[in-house]
Amino acid sequence: MKELTDSYGDVQDAGVLRDRLAADGYLFFRGLLPTEVVGDVHDQLARILYDSDWLDPDADPRELMASGRAVEEGSAGFFGAYTAIQSTEAFHRLAVRPELLALAGRLLGEEAFAHPAHICRIAPPSPGASPTPIHQDYRFIQGSVDTLTTWLPLGEAPPEIGGLRVFAGSPRLGVLPVKASDGPGMMRAEADENHPEWRTTSYRPGDVLLFGSLTVHGAMPNRTNRLRLSADFRYQARSAPMARDLLGTGKPHYHPDVPDFPTLTRGWTSTDCIEVPTGVRFVDRWDPRVDDVPTPSSRFAYV
C-alpha cells in the first residue's frame, strides 16, 4: 500500500492545501499536534479502560494490552467505559485545538467549528472485532458536503494495529452506493478494496489525517494484542448547513446510550468545546441507505 503524502511543510499555504485536497481527497500532517497534549489524553483514556477491565491487569495501562473483556464498539459491555471516555474534558478539548480549527478555517476559507459529537474509536484485536468498513462520511454526516473529518491516532498506530487507510482521488467517484456490513457504521461503500491508490502510514501521536466527506476510507484489522485508540473530529464552515440529529441536535456520540452533555460535563471547566455556534442553519436528514444520492457541488472542485 502506498505511503500518505506529508503536507506538514505546506500547512500555512491554503492554496497548496486546497489543490492537494481537491486532487487526493486527503491531507496528512506529521506531528501537527503537540505530542504531550495527545499523550495526556491517551493516558487518561487508558486509565479508564484499565479501570473498566478492558486491559491486562498485569501490564502498564499505557501499553493498552487488551484483556478478554475488551469488546467491539456498540456491543454489550461497551457503553460503561465509553460513557466515562465521553465524560473526559481533555478528550473533547482536543477537538478545538487551535491547530485543528485554524487548519479547517484555512481550507474552508472562513471560520469553522467542530461538531459536538466527538468520536473515540477503541479497536480491540481481530477477529473478535470488525474494523470500520470502507465508507464515505457524507451519508452519515450529511448537511454540508464540505464538512471535513480529522482522524487522530492517540497512540502509536502502525498498519498492523488497524490504522486508517484512504483511497486517494476517490471523491471524484461521487456519492457511492452502499451495502450492509459488519463493523461501526454497518454500511460499506461499493468501492474497489484493491485499488492501487489506497494509502496509509505508520501513525504516531501528534499526526493528523484530514479528508473530505466524499473520500473513501476505512480501518484495517487490528492484528496485535493491544487496543488501538483514535479520535474522529468533524469541522464545517459556520455559513454551511448542518444536519439535524434524529435524537436531538448537538448530542454526544452514541446518545442516548451515552448520557446527554449536561450529565457528561459535570465538573468541567468549560463546555465551549461541545457547543454549536448560534446562527448555524439546520436541515433535515435523509435515509443514508438510499441507493441514489446526488453528488452535491463542492468548494474543493474535486477533479
C-alpha atoms as a PDB file:
ATOM      1  CA  MET A   1       0.000   0.000   0.000  1.00  0.00           C
ATOM      2  CA  LYS A   2       1.279   3.492  -0.846  1.00  0.00           C
ATOM      3  CA  GLU A   3       2.533   5.927   1.775  1.00  0.00           C
ATOM      4  CA  LEU A   4       0.496   9.029   2.653  1.00  0.00           C
ATOM      5  CA  THR A   5       1.904  12.327   1.367  1.00  0.00           C
ATOM      6  CA  ASP A   6       3.018  14.538   4.262  1.00  0.00           C
ATOM      7  CA  SER A   7       1.692  18.111   3.918  1.00  0.00           C
ATOM      8  CA  TYR A   8       3.151  19.494   7.142  1.00  0.00           C
ATOM      9  CA  GLY A   9       5.605  21.698   5.249  1.00  0.00           C
ATOM     10  CA  ASP A  10       2.687  23.396   3.470  1.00  0.00           C
ATOM     11  CA  VAL A  11       0.363  23.712   6.465  1.00  0.00           C
ATOM     12  CA  GLN A  12       0.214  27.530   6.185  1.00  0.00           C
ATOM     13  CA  ASP A  13      -0.326  27.617   2.400  1.00  0.00           C
ATOM     14  CA  ALA A  14      -4.087  27.497   1.862  1.00  0.00           C
ATOM     15  CA  GLY A  15      -3.798  27.374  -1.931  1.00  0.00           C
ATOM     16  CA  VAL A  16      -1.470  24.376  -1.967  1.00  0.00           C
ATOM     17  CA  LEU A  17      -3.572  22.562   0.613  1.00  0.00           C
ATOM     18  CA  ARG A  18      -6.851  23.133  -1.255  1.00  0.00           C
ATOM     19  CA  ASP A  19      -5.333  21.957  -4.525  1.00  0.00           C
ATOM     20  CA  ARG A  20      -3.936  18.844  -2.870  1.00  0.00           C
ATOM     21  CA  LEU A  21      -7.231  18.092  -1.130  1.00  0.00           C
ATOM     22  CA  ALA A  22      -9.072  18.515  -4.437  1.00  0.00           C
ATOM     23  CA  ALA A  23      -6.692  16.105  -6.168  1.00  0.00           C
ATOM     24  CA  ASP A  24      -6.204  13.461  -3.460  1.00  0.00           C
ATOM     25  CA  GLY A  25      -9.226  13.849  -1.166  1.00  0.00           C
ATOM     26  CA  TYR A  26      -6.987  13.875   1.927  1.00  0.00           C
ATOM     27  CA  LEU A  27      -4.209  15.781   3.682  1.00  0.00           C
ATOM     28  CA  PHE A  28      -1.762  14.247   6.144  1.00  0.00           C
ATOM     29  CA  PHE A  29       0.272  16.226   8.665  1.00  0.00           C
ATOM     30  CA  ARG A  30       3.084  14.507  10.519  1.00  0.00           C
ATOM     31  CA  GLY A  31       3.408  15.958  14.041  1.00  0.00           C
ATOM     32  CA  LEU A  32       0.834  18.738  13.732  1.00  0.00           C
ATOM     33  CA  LEU A  33      -0.266  18.490  17.377  1.00  0.00           C
ATOM     34  CA  PRO A  34       1.942  18.609  20.478  1.00  0.00           C
ATOM     35  CA  THR A  35       2.770  15.043  21.495  1.00  0.00           C
ATOM     36  CA  GLU A  36       2.465  15.877  25.192  1.00  0.00           C
ATOM     37  CA  VAL A  37      -1.132  17.051  24.734  1.00  0.00           C
ATOM     38  CA  VAL A  38      -2.126  13.925  22.789  1.00  0.00           C
ATOM     39  CA  GLY A  39      -0.186  11.773  25.236  1.00  0.00           C
ATOM     40  CA  ASP A  40      -2.078  13.224  28.205  1.00  0.00           C
ATOM     41  CA  VAL A  41      -5.432  12.355  26.567  1.00  0.00           C
ATOM     42  CA  HIS A  42      -4.127   8.877  25.732  1.00  0.00           C
ATOM     43  CA  ASP A  43      -3.092   8.254  29.340  1.00  0.00           C
ATOM     44  CA  GLN A  44      -6.407   9.482  30.781  1.00  0.00           C
ATOM     45  CA  LEU A  45      -8.369   7.189  28.460  1.00  0.00           C
ATOM     46  CA  ALA A  46      -6.021   4.277  29.111  1.00  0.00           C
ATOM     47  CA  ARG A  47      -6.736   4.602  32.842  1.00  0.00           C
ATOM     48  CA  ILE A  48     -10.479   4.481  32.144  1.00  0.00           C
ATOM     49  CA  LEU A  49     -10.051   1.323  30.061  1.00  0.00           C
ATOM     50  CA  TYR A  50      -7.871  -0.217  32.775  1.00  0.00           C
ATOM     51  CA  ASP A  51     -10.447   0.555  35.469  1.00  0.00           C
ATOM     52  CA  SER A  52     -13.125  -0.932  33.174  1.00  0.00           C
ATOM     53  CA  ASP A  53     -11.164  -4.233  32.922  1.00  0.00           C
ATOM     54  CA  TRP A  54     -10.539  -3.801  29.190  1.00  0.00           C
ATOM     55  CA  LEU A  55      -6.769  -4.029  29.745  1.00  0.00           C
ATOM     56  CA  ASP A  56      -4.433  -6.702  31.029  1.00  0.00           C
ATOM     57  CA  PRO A  57      -4.263  -6.108  34.814  1.00  0.00           C
ATOM     58  CA  ASP A  58      -0.600  -7.136  34.910  1.00  0.00           C
ATOM     59  CA  ALA A  59       0.575  -4.701  32.222  1.00  0.00           C
ATOM     60  CA  ASP A  60       1.188  -0.946  32.246  1.00  0.00           C
ATOM     61  CA  PRO A  61      -2.154   0.673  31.203  1.00  0.00           C
ATOM     62  CA  ARG A  62      -0.279   2.926  28.778  1.00  0.00           C
ATOM     63  CA  GLU A  63       0.654  -0.147  26.727  1.00  0.00           C
ATOM     64  CA  LEU A  64      -3.070  -0.836  26.068  1.00  0.00           C
ATOM     65  CA  MET A  65      -2.607  -4.605  26.260  1.00  0.00           C
ATOM     66  CA  ALA A  66      -6.106  -5.984  25.697  1.00  0.00           C
ATOM     67  CA  SER A  67      -7.819  -8.239  28.207  1.00  0.00           C
ATOM     68  CA  GLY A  68     -10.527 -10.756  27.389  1.00  0.00           C
ATOM     69  CA  ARG A  69     -13.145  -8.170  28.418  1.00  0.00           C
ATOM     70  CA  ALA A  70     -12.393  -5.711  25.611  1.00  0.00           C
ATOM     71  CA  VAL A  71     -15.462  -5.598  23.355  1.00  0.00           C
ATOM     72  CA  GLU A  72     -16.409  -4.354  19.917  1.00  0.00           C
ATOM     73  CA  GLU A  73     -17.867  -0.875  19.549  1.00  0.00           C
ATOM     74  CA  GLY A  74     -21.585  -0.742  20.361  1.00  0.00           C
ATOM     75  CA  SER A  75     -21.806  -4.269  21.772  1.00  0.00           C
ATOM     76  CA  ALA A  76     -22.796  -5.383  25.283  1.00  0.00           C
ATOM     77  CA  GLY A  77     -20.338  -4.046  27.848  1.00  0.00           C
ATOM     78  CA  PHE A  78     -19.205  -1.153  25.654  1.00  0.00           C
ATOM     79  CA  PHE A  79     -21.124   1.821  26.997  1.00  0.00           C
ATOM     80  CA  GLY A  80     -19.857   1.904  30.584  1.00  0.00           C
ATOM     81  CA  ALA A  81     -16.277   2.608  29.519  1.00  0.00           C
ATOM     82  CA  TYR A  82     -17.404   4.763  26.596  1.00  0.00           C
ATOM     83  CA  THR A  83     -19.540   6.988  28.824  1.00  0.00           C
ATOM     84  CA  ALA A  84     -16.504   7.567  31.057  1.00  0.00           C
ATOM     85  CA  ILE A  85     -14.455   8.471  27.981  1.00  0.00           C
ATOM     86  CA  GLN A  86     -17.169  10.850  26.777  1.00  0.00           C
ATOM     87  CA  SER A  87     -17.078  12.462  30.238  1.00  0.00           C
ATOM     88  CA  THR A  88     -13.370  13.301  29.865  1.00  0.00           C
ATOM     89  CA  GLU A  89     -12.972  17.019  29.189  1.00  0.00           C
ATOM     90  CA  ALA A  90      -9.424  16.687  27.824  1.00  0.00           C
ATOM     91  CA  PHE A  91     -10.651  14.368  25.071  1.00  0.00           C
ATOM     92  CA  HIS A  92     -13.280  16.860  23.880  1.00  0.00           C
ATOM     93  CA  ARG A  93     -10.916  19.808  24.214  1.00  0.00           C
ATOM     94  CA  LEU A  94      -8.549  18.105  21.780  1.00  0.00           C
ATOM     95  CA  ALA A  95     -11.163  18.731  19.048  1.00  0.00           C
ATOM     96  CA  VAL A  96     -10.878  22.509  19.417  1.00  0.00           C
ATOM     97  CA  ARG A  97      -7.096  22.744  19.467  1.00  0.00           C
ATOM     98  CA  PRO A  98      -6.089  25.936  17.615  1.00  0.00           C
ATOM     99  CA  GLU A  99      -4.040  23.895  15.127  1.00  0.00           C
ATOM    100  CA  LEU A 100      -7.167  21.999  14.018  1.00  0.00           C
ATOM    101  CA  LEU A 101      -9.620  24.900  13.972  1.00  0.00           C
ATOM    102  CA  ALA A 102      -7.151  27.086  12.077  1.00  0.00           C
ATOM    103  CA  LEU A 103      -6.480  24.325   9.544  1.00  0.00           C
ATOM    104  CA  ALA A 104     -10.194  23.776   8.906  1.00  0.00           C
ATOM    105  CA  GLY A 105     -10.784  27.508   8.558  1.00  0.00           C
ATOM    106  CA  ARG A 106      -7.840  27.858   6.178  1.00  0.00           C
ATOM    107  CA  LEU A 107      -9.243  25.130   3.927  1.00  0.00           C
ATOM    108  CA  LEU A 108     -12.862  26.303   4.063  1.00  0.00           C
ATOM    109  CA  GLY A 109     -11.971  29.958   3.600  1.00  0.00           C
ATOM    110  CA  GLU A 110     -13.991  31.116   6.612  1.00  0.00           C
ATOM    111  CA  GLU A 111     -14.466  30.498  10.327  1.00  0.00           C
ATOM    112  CA  ALA A 112     -15.032  26.827  11.130  1.00  0.00           C
ATOM    113  CA  PHE A 113     -16.357  24.993  14.166  1.00  0.00           C
ATOM    114  CA  ALA A 114     -16.187  21.420  15.437  1.00  0.00           C
ATOM    115  CA  HIS A 115     -19.276  19.219  15.541  1.00  0.00           C
ATOM    116  CA  PRO A 116     -20.086  18.306  19.173  1.00  0.00           C
ATOM    117  CA  ALA A 117     -20.280  14.534  18.524  1.00  0.00           C
ATOM    118  CA  HIS A 118     -16.584  13.841  19.104  1.00  0.00           C
ATOM    119  CA  ILE A 119     -15.876  10.181  18.409  1.00  0.00           C
ATOM    120  CA  CYS A 120     -13.374   7.975  20.198  1.00  0.00           C
ATOM    121  CA  ARG A 121     -12.575   4.699  18.428  1.00  0.00           C
ATOM    122  CA  ILE A 122     -11.401   1.804  20.595  1.00  0.00           C
ATOM    123  CA  ALA A 123     -10.381  -1.061  18.320  1.00  0.00           C
ATOM    124  CA  PRO A 124      -9.845  -4.435  20.043  1.00  0.00           C
ATOM    125  CA  PRO A 125      -7.809  -7.150  18.341  1.00  0.00           C
ATOM    126  CA  SER A 126      -9.325  -9.001  15.381  1.00  0.00           C
ATOM    127  CA  PRO A 127     -11.066 -11.355  14.726  1.00  0.00           C
ATOM    128  CA  GLY A 128     -13.037 -10.532  17.879  1.00  0.00           C
ATOM    129  CA  ALA A 129     -13.875  -7.087  16.471  1.00  0.00           C
ATOM    130  CA  SER A 130     -14.632  -5.977  12.921  1.00  0.00           C
ATOM    131  CA  PRO A 131     -12.730  -2.945  11.599  1.00  0.00           C
ATOM    132  CA  THR A 132     -14.691   0.059  10.361  1.00  0.00           C
ATOM    133  CA  PRO A 133     -15.697  -0.857   6.784  1.00  0.00           C
ATOM    134  CA  ILE A 134     -14.702   1.366   3.890  1.00  0.00           C
ATOM    135  CA  HIS A 135     -17.180   4.216   3.570  1.00  0.00           C
ATOM    136  CA  GLN A 136     -17.742   7.880   2.798  1.00  0.00           C
ATOM    137  CA  ASP A 137     -18.689  10.188   5.667  1.00  0.00           C
ATOM    138  CA  TYR A 138     -21.253  12.154   3.647  1.00  0.00           C
ATOM    139  CA  ARG A 139     -24.039   9.592   4.122  1.00  0.00           C
ATOM    140  CA  PHE A 140     -23.522   9.721   7.893  1.00  0.00           C
ATOM    141  CA  ILE A 141     -22.773  13.431   8.440  1.00  0.00           C
ATOM    142  CA  GLN A 142     -24.969  14.944   5.670  1.00  0.00           C
ATOM    143  CA  GLY A 143     -25.575  18.694   5.928  1.00  0.00           C
ATOM    144  CA  SER A 144     -22.616  20.207   4.084  1.00  0.00           C
ATOM    145  CA  VAL A 145     -20.646  18.065   1.633  1.00  0.00           C
ATOM    146  CA  ASP A 146     -17.606  20.145   2.579  1.00  0.00           C
ATOM    147  CA  THR A 147     -17.597  19.001   6.195  1.00  0.00           C
ATOM    148  CA  LEU A 148     -14.050  17.862   6.994  1.00  0.00           C
ATOM    149  CA  THR A 149     -13.029  14.932   9.170  1.00  0.00           C
ATOM    150  CA  THR A 150      -9.781  14.710  11.100  1.00  0.00           C
ATOM    151  CA  TRP A 151      -8.544  11.304  12.283  1.00  0.00           C
ATOM    152  CA  LEU A 152      -6.032  11.406  15.130  1.00  0.00           C
ATOM    153  CA  PRO A 153      -4.100   8.414  16.468  1.00  0.00           C
ATOM    154  CA  LEU A 154      -3.918   8.735  20.249  1.00  0.00           C
ATOM    155  CA  GLY A 155      -1.013   6.291  20.418  1.00  0.00           C
ATOM    156  CA  GLU A 156       1.436   4.587  18.095  1.00  0.00           C
ATOM    157  CA  ALA A 157      -0.581   3.109  15.216  1.00  0.00           C
ATOM    158  CA  PRO A 158       1.420   1.085  12.691  1.00  0.00           C
ATOM    159  CA  PRO A 159      -0.636  -0.598   9.938  1.00  0.00           C
ATOM    160  CA  GLU A 160      -0.823  -3.898  11.851  1.00  0.00           C
ATOM    161  CA  ILE A 161      -2.803  -2.296  14.697  1.00  0.00           C
ATOM    162  CA  GLY A 162      -5.532  -1.221  12.310  1.00  0.00           C
ATOM    163  CA  GLY A 163      -4.584   2.307  11.309  1.00  0.00           C
ATOM    164  CA  LEU A 164      -6.775   4.220   8.867  1.00  0.00           C
ATOM    165  CA  ARG A 165      -6.359   3.919   5.101  1.00  0.00           C
ATOM    166  CA  VAL A 166      -7.708   6.323   2.477  1.00  0.00           C
ATOM    167  CA  PHE A 167      -8.489   5.857  -1.211  1.00  0.00           C
ATOM    168  CA  ALA A 168      -6.665   8.769  -2.870  1.00  0.00           C
ATOM    169  CA  GLY A 169      -8.729  10.522  -5.547  1.00  0.00           C
ATOM    170  CA  SER A 170     -11.966   8.777  -4.519  1.00  0.00           C
ATOM    171  CA  PRO A 171     -14.093  11.971  -4.131  1.00  0.00           C
ATOM    172  CA  ARG A 172     -14.179  12.080  -7.937  1.00  0.00           C
ATOM    173  CA  LEU A 173     -16.356   8.933  -7.815  1.00  0.00           C
ATOM    174  CA  GLY A 174     -19.220  10.928  -6.278  1.00  0.00           C
ATOM    175  CA  VAL A 175     -21.578   9.513  -3.657  1.00  0.00           C
ATOM    176  CA  LEU A 176     -21.201   5.746  -3.975  1.00  0.00           C
ATOM    177  CA  PRO A 177     -23.866   3.065  -3.408  1.00  0.00           C
ATOM    178  CA  VAL A 178     -23.639   1.141  -0.143  1.00  0.00           C
ATOM    179  CA  LYS A 179     -24.455  -2.295   1.189  1.00  0.00           C
ATOM    180  CA  ALA A 180     -24.856  -3.708   4.697  1.00  0.00           C
ATOM    181  CA  SER A 181     -21.652  -4.628   6.523  1.00  0.00           C
ATOM    182  CA  ASP A 182     -20.294  -5.611   9.916  1.00  0.00           C
ATOM    183  CA  GLY A 183     -18.355  -3.080  11.984  1.00  0.00           C
ATOM    184  CA  PRO A 184     -19.008   0.527  13.057  1.00  0.00           C
ATOM    185  CA  GLY A 185     -21.499   2.288  10.780  1.00  0.00           C
ATOM    186  CA  MET A 186     -22.728  -1.040   9.383  1.00  0.00           C
ATOM    187  CA  MET A 187     -22.530   0.205   5.789  1.00  0.00           C
ATOM    188  CA  ARG A 188     -19.828  -0.411   3.211  1.00  0.00           C
ATOM    189  CA  ALA A 189     -19.226   1.783   0.179  1.00  0.00           C
ATOM    190  CA  GLU A 190     -19.116  -0.121  -3.097  1.00  0.00           C
ATOM    191  CA  ALA A 191     -15.528   0.786  -3.962  1.00  0.00           C
ATOM    192  CA  ASP A 192     -12.522  -1.253  -5.082  1.00  0.00           C
ATOM    193  CA  GLU A 193     -10.786  -2.623  -1.964  1.00  0.00           C
ATOM    194  CA  ASN A 194      -7.710  -3.481  -4.052  1.00  0.00           C
ATOM    195  CA  HIS A 195      -7.295  -0.242  -5.994  1.00  0.00           C
ATOM    196  CA  PRO A 196      -3.609   0.840  -6.211  1.00  0.00           C
ATOM    197  CA  GLU A 197      -4.404   4.287  -4.756  1.00  0.00           C
ATOM    198  CA  TRP A 198      -5.121   3.081  -1.212  1.00  0.00           C
ATOM    199  CA  ARG A 199      -2.711   4.800   1.175  1.00  0.00           C
ATOM    200  CA  THR A 200      -1.719   4.606   4.830  1.00  0.00           C
ATOM    201  CA  THR A 201       1.291   5.122   7.090  1.00  0.00           C
ATOM    202  CA  SER A 202       2.736   4.173  10.452  1.00  0.00           C
ATOM    203  CA  TYR A 203       0.974   6.790  12.584  1.00  0.00           C
ATOM    204  CA  ARG A 204       2.438   8.481  15.640  1.00  0.00           C
ATOM    205  CA  PRO A 205       0.844  10.655  18.362  1.00  0.00           C
ATOM    206  CA  GLY A 206       0.516  14.205  17.063  1.00  0.00           C
ATOM    207  CA  ASP A 207      -0.189  13.130  13.471  1.00  0.00           C
ATOM    208  CA  VAL A 208      -3.399  14.336  11.816  1.00  0.00           C
ATOM    209  CA  LEU A 209      -5.142  12.843   8.788  1.00  0.00           C
ATOM    210  CA  LEU A 210      -7.798  15.127   7.262  1.00  0.00           C
ATOM    211  CA  PHE A 211     -10.219  14.226   4.473  1.00  0.00           C
ATOM    212  CA  GLY A 212     -13.450  15.360   2.853  1.00  0.00           C
ATOM    213  CA  SER A 213     -16.843  13.723   3.268  1.00  0.00           C
ATOM    214  CA  LEU A 214     -16.655  12.033  -0.167  1.00  0.00           C
ATOM    215  CA  THR A 215     -13.276  10.391   0.473  1.00  0.00           C
ATOM    216  CA  VAL A 216     -13.491   6.604   0.762  1.00  0.00           C
ATOM    217  CA  HIS A 217     -11.663   5.392   3.853  1.00  0.00           C
ATOM    218  CA  GLY A 218     -11.725   2.654   6.473  1.00  0.00           C
ATOM    219  CA  ALA A 219      -9.751   0.912   9.191  1.00  0.00           C
ATOM    220  CA  MET A 220      -7.538  -2.119   8.772  1.00  0.00           C
ATOM    221  CA  PRO A 221      -7.787  -5.188  11.048  1.00  0.00           C
ATOM    222  CA  ASN A 222      -6.034  -4.977  14.398  1.00  0.00           C
ATOM    223  CA  ARG A 223      -3.584  -7.886  14.229  1.00  0.00           C
ATOM    224  CA  THR A 224      -1.877  -7.131  17.558  1.00  0.00           C
ATOM    225  CA  ASN A 225      -2.783  -7.912  21.171  1.00  0.00           C
ATOM    226  CA  ARG A 226      -3.239  -4.209  22.007  1.00  0.00           C
ATOM    227  CA  LEU A 227      -6.161  -1.808  21.699  1.00  0.00           C
ATOM    228  CA  ARG A 228      -5.965   0.976  19.137  1.00  0.00           C
ATOM    229  CA  LEU A 229      -7.177   4.374  20.367  1.00  0.00           C
ATOM    230  CA  SER A 230      -8.040   7.129  17.911  1.00  0.00           C
ATOM    231  CA  ALA A 231     -10.344  10.135  17.579  1.00  0.00           C
ATOM    232  CA  ASP A 232     -12.627  11.417  14.818  1.00  0.00           C
ATOM    233  CA  PHE A 233     -13.489  15.131  14.822  1.00  0.00           C
ATOM    234  CA  ARG A 234     -15.607  16.900  12.186  1.00  0.00           C
ATOM    235  CA  TYR A 235     -15.432  20.558  11.114  1.00  0.00           C
ATOM    236  CA  GLN A 236     -17.625  22.735   8.937  1.00  0.00           C
ATOM    237  CA  ALA A 237     -17.966  26.374   7.931  1.00  0.00           C
ATOM    238  CA  ARG A 238     -20.328  28.401  10.109  1.00  0.00           C
ATOM    239  CA  SER A 239     -22.185  29.539   6.984  1.00  0.00           C
ATOM    240  CA  ALA A 240     -22.832  25.946   5.813  1.00  0.00           C
ATOM    241  CA  PRO A 241     -25.904  23.879   6.767  1.00  0.00           C
ATOM    242  CA  MET A 242     -25.702  21.246   9.498  1.00  0.00           C
ATOM    243  CA  ALA A 243     -27.946  18.173   9.532  1.00  0.00           C
ATOM    244  CA  ARG A 244     -30.343  17.798  12.446  1.00  0.00           C
ATOM    245  CA  ASP A 245     -29.824  14.814  14.694  1.00  0.00           C
ATOM    246  CA  LEU A 246     -32.804  12.469  14.801  1.00  0.00           C
ATOM    247  CA  LEU A 247     -32.397  12.272  18.590  1.00  0.00           C
ATOM    248  CA  GLY A 248     -31.624  15.950  19.078  1.00  0.00           C
ATOM    249  CA  THR A 249     -29.004  18.212  17.560  1.00  0.00           C
ATOM    250  CA  GLY A 250     -25.688  18.670  19.317  1.00  0.00           C
ATOM    251  CA  LYS A 251     -25.791  15.375  21.220  1.00  0.00           C
ATOM    252  CA  PRO A 252     -22.811  13.207  22.235  1.00  0.00           C
ATOM    253  CA  HIS A 253     -21.668  10.335  20.064  1.00  0.00           C
ATOM    254  CA  TYR A 254     -23.843   7.265  20.721  1.00  0.00           C
ATOM    255  CA  HIS A 255     -26.531   9.249  22.540  1.00  0.00           C
ATOM    256  CA  PRO A 256     -28.898   8.054  24.095  1.00  0.00           C
ATOM    257  CA  ASP A 257     -26.778   5.020  25.059  1.00  0.00           C
ATOM    258  CA  VAL A 258     -24.374   7.677  26.297  1.00  0.00           C
ATOM    259  CA  PRO A 259     -25.956  10.351  28.574  1.00  0.00           C
ATOM    260  CA  ASP A 260     -26.618  13.887  27.401  1.00  0.00           C
ATOM    261  CA  PHE A 261     -23.955  16.571  27.716  1.00  0.00           C
ATOM    262  CA  PRO A 262     -25.395  18.177  30.895  1.00  0.00           C
ATOM    263  CA  THR A 263     -24.596  14.888  32.650  1.00  0.00           C
ATOM    264  CA  LEU A 264     -21.276  14.240  30.914  1.00  0.00           C
ATOM    265  CA  THR A 265     -19.921  17.734  31.535  1.00  0.00           C
ATOM    266  CA  ARG A 266     -20.470  17.945  35.304  1.00  0.00           C
ATOM    267  CA  GLY A 267     -17.311  19.362  36.845  1.00  0.00           C
ATOM    268  CA  TRP A 268     -15.824  20.605  33.558  1.00  0.00           C
ATOM    269  CA  THR A 269     -14.056  23.962  33.475  1.00  0.00           C
ATOM    270  CA  SER A 270     -15.948  24.971  30.285  1.00  0.00           C
ATOM    271  CA  THR A 271     -18.375  23.453  27.768  1.00  0.00           C
ATOM    272  CA  ASP A 272     -17.434  25.643  24.794  1.00  0.00           C
ATOM    273  CA  CYS A 273     -15.786  22.691  23.019  1.00  0.00           C
ATOM    274  CA  ILE A 274     -19.126  20.851  22.610  1.00  0.00           C
ATOM    275  CA  GLU A 275     -21.373  23.794  21.693  1.00  0.00           C
ATOM    276  CA  VAL A 276     -22.812  24.594  18.261  1.00  0.00           C
ATOM    277  CA  PRO A 277     -22.378  28.322  17.474  1.00  0.00           C
ATOM    278  CA  THR A 278     -25.500  30.447  17.331  1.00  0.00           C
ATOM    279  CA  GLY A 279     -26.837  31.196  13.874  1.00  0.00           C
ATOM    280  CA  VAL A 280     -25.953  27.852  12.265  1.00  0.00           C
ATOM    281  CA  ARG A 281     -28.642  26.767   9.791  1.00  0.00           C
ATOM    282  CA  PHE A 282     -30.068  23.268  10.239  1.00  0.00           C
ATOM    283  CA  VAL A 283     -31.503  20.952   7.578  1.00  0.00           C
ATOM    284  CA  ASP A 284     -33.354  17.644   7.848  1.00  0.00           C
ATOM    285  CA  ARG A 285     -31.649  14.289   7.426  1.00  0.00           C
ATOM    286  CA  TRP A 286     -32.423  11.749   4.716  1.00  0.00           C
ATOM    287  CA  ASP A 287     -32.164   7.966   4.869  1.00  0.00           C
ATOM    288  CA  PRO A 288     -28.431   7.198   4.475  1.00  0.00           C
ATOM    289  CA  ARG A 289     -29.199   3.776   2.966  1.00  0.00           C
ATOM    290  CA  VAL A 290     -31.000   5.039  -0.158  1.00  0.00           C
ATOM    291  CA  ASP A 291     -29.417   3.925  -3.425  1.00  0.00           C
ATOM    292  CA  ASP A 292     -29.302   7.105  -5.479  1.00  0.00           C
ATOM    293  CA  VAL A 293     -27.853  10.145  -3.730  1.00  0.00           C
ATOM    294  CA  PRO A 294     -26.992  13.140  -5.921  1.00  0.00           C
ATOM    295  CA  THR A 295     -23.420  14.349  -5.510  1.00  0.00           C
ATOM    296  CA  PRO A 296     -23.533  17.974  -4.279  1.00  0.00           C
ATOM    297  CA  SER A 297     -21.126  20.511  -5.680  1.00  0.00           C
ATOM    298  CA  SER A 298     -18.088  21.183  -3.505  1.00  0.00           C
ATOM    299  CA  ARG A 299     -15.945  24.235  -2.923  1.00  0.00           C
ATOM    300  CA  PHE A 300     -12.927  21.947  -3.389  1.00  0.00           C
ATOM    301  CA  ALA A 301     -13.821  21.185  -7.030  1.00  0.00           C
ATOM    302  CA  TYR A 302     -12.670  17.573  -6.948  1.00  0.00           C
ATOM    303  CA  VAL A 303     -11.036  16.813 -10.292  1.00  0.00           C
END
